[in-house]
Amino acid sequence: MITVEHITKTYGETTAVDDLSFTVEPGVVTGFLGPNGSGKSTTMRMIVGLDRPDAGQVLIDNTAYVDHVAPLHTVGALLEARAIHPGRSAYQHLHALAATTGIPRRRIDEVLDLVGLSSVARKRAGAFSLGMGQRLGIAAALLGDPDVVILDEPVNGLDPEGIRWIRNLLKSLADDGRTVFISSHLISEVALVADHLVVIGRGRLIADTSVADMQRAASGLTVQVRSPRARDLARTLADEGVTIETGADPDQLDVTGLLASVIGDRAFAAGLPVHALIPTEVSLEEAFMRMTHDSVEYGPADLPASPQTEKVLSR
């Protein structure tokens, strides 16, 4: 289990993480989401002791990472797949890690086989492709057979077969009762493997919820309504913060800002017939975009336009 308790981290005048608290439970895959600059990497670095929080604490199985006698046996982490000496072979890289914490050599062969690198174990890691380097980083994270696995962008560089492999691996680790914590910008991939989500923006917690609940909450924001008295119903529903759109069908309204239950209650109170109330289903990606809209720090509007872009925009 990972317990994050009110951690704050500031670099100069920039607060990267601001009073952040959440818990990562064993037995499920927890996805860690947030826009660029939201503090995900800083948080993960504090979990494994690479950065020290200015306030608060992070505990792994009730102990700080730096206080574990043999951390690799408890926590396996992949934060930077290319943190490998390019002149070493895959086997030599893992052997150097194993030798520091008394991990037997047979375990090196086991993880190389697990990640599909047995055939290139003696080749220099510096010549590996991005996907092969990613597999080696995952092998290093699993070397100590840890109960807690932390992976930053685990599908980065993997081909379709590799992506399916990592999905199955993450699920099997969680099924074994391990704590699995992954960060990714590929929301669609997180949707396929994660059971729970922690979403942050500008260093603060936005959501700590299940995938289903996050999608359900976002879906409830827009409701398709059908009524033979749609115009009268629109006037009844008009309120601050409510957007009502009409289309070619005069009996249909798209209402944003009211739950379906509230729309139904107001229509009933006004004596207006309603033939359908259909909450819009959204993907996890769309739910994430809606939830973090106000927390995006780096967006297209912040980028200086090139001369070519300015020409296009001026047309």
Protein backbone atom coordinates (compact mmCIF):
# COMPACT_ATOMS: atom_id res chain seq x y z
CA MET A 1 0.00 0.00 0.00
CA ILE A 2 1.13 3.54 -0.77
CA THR A 3 -0.05 6.28 1.59
CA VAL A 4 0.47 9.91 0.54
CA GLU A 5 -0.24 12.29 3.42
CA HIS A 6 -0.49 16.05 2.80
CA ILE A 7 2.73 16.33 0.80
CA THR A 8 3.90 19.67 -0.57
CA LYS A 9 6.92 20.33 -2.76
CA THR A 10 8.08 23.76 -3.87
CA TYR A 11 10.87 24.71 -6.26
CA GLY A 12 11.66 28.37 -5.80
CA GLU A 13 8.40 30.23 -6.36
CA THR A 14 6.74 27.24 -8.06
CA THR A 15 4.61 24.85 -6.02
CA ALA A 16 4.79 21.53 -7.87
CA VAL A 17 2.70 19.56 -5.34
CA ASP A 18 0.27 21.25 -2.97
CA ASP A 19 -1.06 19.45 0.15
CA LEU A 20 -1.69 16.24 -1.77
CA SER A 21 -3.18 13.16 -0.10
CA PHE A 22 -4.34 9.81 -1.47
CA THR A 23 -3.95 6.07 -0.90
CA VAL A 24 -3.05 3.36 -3.42
CA GLU A 25 -4.60 0.09 -2.35
CA PRO A 26 -3.26 -3.42 -3.07
CA GLY A 27 -5.10 -5.80 -5.37
CA VAL A 28 -6.11 -3.19 -7.97
CA VAL A 29 -4.41 -1.20 -10.72
CA THR A 30 -4.49 2.50 -9.86
CA GLY A 31 -3.99 5.01 -12.66
CA PHE A 32 -2.31 8.35 -11.91
CA LEU A 33 -3.54 11.07 -14.28
CA GLY A 34 -3.02 14.78 -14.73
CA PRO A 35 -2.15 17.35 -17.40
CA ASN A 36 1.48 18.22 -18.17
CA GLY A 37 2.94 20.13 -15.25
CA SER A 38 0.38 18.77 -12.80
CA GLY A 39 2.99 17.32 -10.42
CA LYS A 40 2.75 13.62 -11.30
CA SER A 41 6.48 13.07 -11.81
CA THR A 42 7.38 15.03 -8.68
CA THR A 43 4.89 12.98 -6.66
CA MET A 44 6.29 9.70 -7.95
CA ARG A 45 9.83 10.82 -7.19
CA MET A 46 8.81 11.63 -3.62
CA ILE A 47 7.19 8.21 -3.25
CA VAL A 48 10.52 6.48 -3.99
CA GLY A 49 12.67 8.92 -2.03
CA LEU A 50 14.33 10.74 -4.95
CA ASP A 51 12.82 14.02 -3.76
CA ARG A 52 12.00 14.99 -0.20
CA PRO A 53 8.64 16.69 0.46
CA ASP A 54 8.76 20.10 2.13
CA ALA A 55 5.76 19.01 4.20
CA GLY A 56 3.86 15.80 4.75
CA GLN A 57 5.07 12.25 4.21
CA VAL A 58 4.82 9.23 1.92
CA LEU A 59 4.69 5.73 3.37
CA ILE A 60 5.00 2.40 1.60
CA ASP A 61 3.58 -0.38 3.75
CA ASN A 62 3.69 2.07 6.70
CA THR A 63 7.40 2.83 6.19
CA ALA A 64 9.18 5.58 4.26
CA TYR A 65 11.01 4.28 1.20
CA VAL A 66 14.43 5.31 2.53
CA ASP A 67 13.82 3.34 5.74
CA HIS A 68 13.23 0.01 4.01
CA VAL A 69 16.23 -2.26 4.55
CA ALA A 70 16.07 -3.68 1.01
CA PRO A 71 13.81 -1.38 -1.04
CA LEU A 72 14.01 -3.42 -4.26
CA HIS A 73 12.32 -6.31 -2.46
CA THR A 74 9.43 -4.04 -1.45
CA VAL A 75 9.11 -1.45 -4.21
CA GLY A 76 9.83 -1.82 -7.92
CA ALA A 77 9.81 1.44 -9.85
CA LEU A 78 10.25 2.55 -13.44
CA LEU A 79 10.48 6.32 -13.66
CA GLU A 80 13.00 6.62 -16.51
CA ALA A 81 13.52 3.62 -18.78
CA ARG A 82 16.74 5.02 -20.23
CA ALA A 83 18.50 5.18 -16.86
CA ILE A 84 20.84 2.45 -18.07
CA HIS A 85 24.59 2.47 -18.78
CA PRO A 86 24.66 2.11 -22.58
CA GLY A 87 27.82 -0.01 -22.52
CA ARG A 88 26.31 -2.71 -20.31
CA SER A 89 24.28 -5.61 -21.57
CA ALA A 90 20.75 -6.15 -20.32
CA TYR A 91 22.01 -9.00 -18.14
CA GLN A 92 24.88 -6.92 -16.72
CA HIS A 93 22.51 -4.07 -15.89
CA LEU A 94 20.20 -6.34 -13.94
CA HIS A 95 23.12 -8.18 -12.31
CA ALA A 96 24.51 -4.89 -10.99
CA LEU A 97 21.12 -4.11 -9.42
CA ALA A 98 20.71 -7.62 -8.02
CA ALA A 99 24.16 -7.65 -6.43
CA THR A 100 23.34 -4.60 -4.31
CA THR A 101 20.44 -6.28 -2.50
CA GLY A 102 21.25 -9.98 -2.51
CA ILE A 103 18.90 -10.97 -5.31
CA PRO A 104 19.93 -14.38 -6.72
CA ARG A 105 21.14 -14.66 -10.32
CA ARG A 106 18.32 -17.00 -11.27
CA ARG A 107 15.91 -14.11 -10.74
CA ILE A 108 17.69 -12.17 -13.51
CA ASP A 109 16.91 -14.93 -16.00
CA GLU A 110 13.31 -15.07 -14.75
CA VAL A 111 12.59 -11.37 -15.34
CA LEU A 112 14.41 -11.32 -18.69
CA ASP A 113 12.16 -14.16 -19.80
CA LEU A 114 9.10 -12.42 -18.34
CA VAL A 115 9.69 -9.25 -20.37
CA GLY A 116 10.77 -11.09 -23.53
CA LEU A 117 14.46 -10.08 -23.59
CA SER A 118 16.14 -13.46 -23.05
CA SER A 119 17.35 -13.62 -26.66
CA VAL A 120 19.12 -10.22 -26.40
CA ALA A 121 20.26 -10.48 -22.78
CA ARG A 122 23.95 -10.21 -23.75
CA LYS A 123 23.55 -7.29 -26.15
CA ARG A 124 24.53 -3.74 -25.21
CA ALA A 125 21.55 -1.84 -23.82
CA GLY A 126 22.69 1.30 -25.63
CA ALA A 127 21.71 -0.33 -28.93
CA PHE A 128 18.21 -1.20 -27.75
CA SER A 129 15.14 0.32 -29.37
CA LEU A 130 12.81 2.45 -27.26
CA GLY A 131 10.49 -0.50 -26.72
CA MET A 132 13.32 -2.86 -25.73
CA GLY A 133 14.65 -0.27 -23.30
CA GLN A 134 11.17 -0.01 -21.82
CA ARG A 135 11.02 -3.77 -21.32
CA LEU A 136 14.41 -3.70 -19.60
CA GLY A 137 13.20 -0.94 -17.28
CA ILE A 138 10.15 -3.03 -16.37
CA ALA A 139 12.43 -6.04 -15.76
CA ALA A 140 14.47 -3.92 -13.35
CA ALA A 141 11.30 -2.83 -11.53
CA LEU A 142 10.24 -6.46 -11.08
CA LEU A 143 13.70 -7.79 -10.19
CA GLY A 144 13.12 -7.92 -6.43
CA ASP A 145 9.66 -9.52 -6.81
CA PRO A 146 8.20 -6.47 -5.02
CA ASP A 147 4.76 -6.11 -3.46
CA VAL A 148 4.52 -2.51 -4.75
CA VAL A 149 5.05 -1.72 -8.44
CA ILE A 150 5.26 1.88 -9.68
CA LEU A 151 5.52 2.50 -13.44
CA ASP A 152 5.65 5.86 -15.21
CA GLU A 153 4.41 5.64 -18.82
CA PRO A 154 4.72 1.83 -18.98
CA VAL A 155 3.53 1.50 -22.61
CA ASN A 156 5.94 4.12 -23.96
CA GLY A 157 7.65 2.76 -27.08
CA LEU A 158 5.92 -0.62 -27.01
CA ASP A 159 4.41 -2.13 -30.17
CA PRO A 160 0.81 -3.43 -30.18
CA GLU A 161 1.90 -6.87 -28.97
CA GLY A 162 3.93 -5.27 -26.21
CA ILE A 163 1.02 -3.06 -25.15
CA ARG A 164 -1.25 -6.07 -24.81
CA TRP A 165 1.50 -7.86 -22.87
CA ILE A 166 1.88 -5.00 -20.36
CA ARG A 167 -1.90 -4.83 -19.88
CA ASN A 168 -1.99 -8.51 -18.96
CA LEU A 169 1.08 -8.14 -16.76
CA LEU A 170 -0.38 -5.25 -14.77
CA LYS A 171 -3.66 -7.08 -14.23
CA SER A 172 -1.86 -10.25 -13.14
CA LEU A 173 0.27 -8.30 -10.65
CA ALA A 174 -2.87 -6.78 -9.13
CA ASP A 175 -4.57 -10.18 -9.09
CA ASP A 176 -1.61 -11.43 -7.04
CA GLY A 177 -2.53 -8.84 -4.41
CA ARG A 178 0.25 -6.38 -5.24
CA THR A 179 -0.08 -2.60 -5.21
CA VAL A 180 0.14 -1.39 -8.82
CA PHE A 181 0.46 2.36 -9.51
CA ILE A 182 0.84 3.58 -13.11
CA SER A 183 1.08 7.04 -14.65
CA SER A 184 0.29 7.59 -18.32
CA HIS A 185 -0.75 10.23 -20.82
CA LEU A 186 -2.57 7.57 -22.87
CA ILE A 187 -5.97 7.80 -21.22
CA SER A 188 -7.44 5.11 -23.47
CA GLU A 189 -4.82 2.64 -22.21
CA VAL A 190 -5.50 3.52 -18.60
CA ALA A 191 -9.20 2.90 -19.21
CA LEU A 192 -8.42 -0.66 -20.32
CA VAL A 193 -6.32 -1.65 -17.33
CA ALA A 194 -7.02 0.58 -14.32
CA ASP A 195 -9.64 -0.11 -11.65
CA HIS A 196 -9.12 3.13 -9.71
CA LEU A 197 -7.93 6.63 -10.59
CA VAL A 198 -6.11 9.43 -8.85
CA VAL A 199 -6.34 12.67 -10.84
CA ILE A 200 -4.35 15.78 -9.99
CA GLY A 201 -4.01 19.25 -11.48
CA ARG A 202 -1.58 22.02 -10.54
CA GLY A 203 -0.32 19.79 -7.75
CA ARG A 204 -3.71 19.36 -6.09
CA LEU A 205 -6.07 16.41 -5.90
CA ILE A 206 -8.98 16.64 -8.36
CA ALA A 207 -10.43 13.15 -8.05
CA ASP A 208 -9.82 9.89 -6.19
CA THR A 209 -12.38 7.56 -7.70
CA SER A 210 -13.13 4.45 -9.73
CA VAL A 211 -13.01 4.53 -13.53
CA ALA A 212 -16.74 3.83 -13.73
CA ASP A 213 -17.66 6.60 -11.28
CA MET A 214 -15.49 9.13 -13.10
CA GLN A 215 -17.14 8.35 -16.42
CA ARG A 216 -20.59 8.33 -14.82
CA ALA A 217 -20.03 11.75 -13.24
CA ALA A 218 -18.88 13.26 -16.53
CA SER A 219 -21.70 11.60 -18.48
CA GLY A 220 -24.27 13.20 -16.20
CA LEU A 221 -23.24 16.69 -17.28
CA THR A 222 -25.12 16.54 -20.59
CA VAL A 223 -28.57 14.99 -21.01
CA GLN A 224 -30.51 14.47 -24.21
CA VAL A 225 -34.17 15.29 -23.56
CA ARG A 226 -37.14 14.56 -25.82
CA SER A 227 -40.48 16.27 -25.29
CA PRO A 228 -43.35 17.36 -27.57
CA ARG A 229 -43.25 20.64 -25.64
CA ALA A 230 -39.48 21.13 -25.89
CA ARG A 231 -39.69 24.94 -26.12
CA ASP A 232 -41.75 25.20 -22.94
CA LEU A 233 -39.41 22.77 -21.21
CA ALA A 234 -36.37 24.81 -22.27
CA ARG A 235 -37.85 27.91 -20.61
CA THR A 236 -38.52 25.86 -17.46
CA LEU A 237 -34.97 24.52 -17.32
CA ALA A 238 -33.25 27.85 -18.09
CA ASP A 239 -31.01 28.76 -15.18
CA GLU A 240 -27.57 30.16 -14.40
CA GLY A 241 -24.90 27.67 -15.43
CA VAL A 242 -27.30 25.66 -17.61
CA THR A 243 -26.74 25.41 -21.36
CA ILE A 244 -29.60 24.27 -23.61
CA GLU A 245 -29.00 23.45 -27.27
CA THR A 246 -31.61 22.67 -29.91
CA GLY A 247 -31.12 20.89 -33.23
CA ALA A 248 -33.05 20.01 -36.34
CA ASP A 249 -35.46 17.87 -34.32
CA PRO A 250 -37.90 20.31 -32.62
CA ASP A 251 -38.66 17.75 -29.88
CA GLN A 252 -35.05 17.36 -28.75
CA LEU A 253 -32.93 19.37 -26.30
CA ASP A 254 -29.34 18.83 -25.20
CA VAL A 255 -29.11 20.10 -21.63
CA THR A 256 -25.76 20.67 -19.96
CA GLY A 257 -25.47 21.52 -16.29
CA LEU A 258 -28.41 19.59 -14.85
CA LEU A 259 -28.69 15.94 -13.85
CA ALA A 260 -31.34 13.84 -15.57
CA SER A 261 -33.18 13.44 -12.25
CA VAL A 262 -33.40 17.22 -11.79
CA ILE A 263 -34.68 17.70 -15.35
CA GLY A 264 -37.35 15.08 -14.78
CA ASP A 265 -38.44 16.64 -11.49
CA ARG A 266 -38.73 20.13 -13.01
CA ALA A 267 -40.68 18.84 -16.00
CA PHE A 268 -43.07 16.96 -13.71
CA ALA A 269 -43.58 20.01 -11.50
CA ALA A 270 -44.40 22.11 -14.59
CA GLY A 271 -46.76 19.48 -16.01
CA LEU A 272 -44.65 19.02 -19.14
CA PRO A 273 -44.40 15.60 -20.82
CA VAL A 274 -40.97 14.02 -21.22
CA HIS A 275 -40.52 11.06 -23.55
CA ALA A 276 -36.76 10.48 -23.01
CA LEU A 277 -33.96 11.44 -20.65
CA ILE A 278 -30.66 10.08 -21.97
CA PRO A 279 -27.40 11.00 -20.17
CA THR A 280 -24.58 11.31 -22.70
CA GLU A 281 -22.01 8.53 -22.42
CA VAL A 282 -18.43 9.77 -22.59
CA SER A 283 -15.08 8.04 -22.79
CA LEU A 284 -12.58 8.16 -19.93
CA GLU A 285 -10.50 10.53 -22.07
CA GLU A 286 -13.40 12.96 -22.44
CA ALA A 287 -14.19 12.67 -18.73
CA PHE A 288 -10.55 13.46 -17.94
CA MET A 289 -10.53 16.48 -20.28
CA ARG A 290 -13.69 17.89 -18.68
CA MET A 291 -12.42 17.29 -15.17
CA THR A 292 -8.97 18.87 -15.72
CA HIS A 293 -10.00 21.68 -18.06
CA ASP A 294 -9.26 24.39 -15.50
CA SER A 295 -5.98 22.78 -14.43
CA VAL A 296 -4.19 22.71 -17.79
CA GLU A 297 -0.98 24.68 -17.45
CA TYR A 298 0.51 24.17 -20.90
CA GLY A 299 -1.95 24.42 -23.77
CA PRO A 300 -1.83 25.48 -27.43
CA ALA A 301 -2.69 29.08 -26.53
CA ASP A 302 0.52 29.27 -24.49
CA LEU A 303 2.75 28.37 -27.45
CA PRO A 304 4.18 31.07 -29.72
CA ALA A 305 2.87 30.69 -33.23
CA SER A 306 5.36 30.05 -36.02
CA PRO A 307 5.23 32.29 -39.15
CA GLN A 308 3.55 29.41 -41.02
CA THR A 309 0.93 29.02 -38.27
CA GLU A 310 0.25 32.76 -38.24
CA LYS A 311 -0.41 32.66 -41.97
CA VAL A 312 -2.95 29.86 -41.54
CA LEU A 313 -4.68 31.63 -38.67
CA SER A 314 -4.90 34.89 -40.57
CA ARG A 315 -6.69 33.35 -43.57
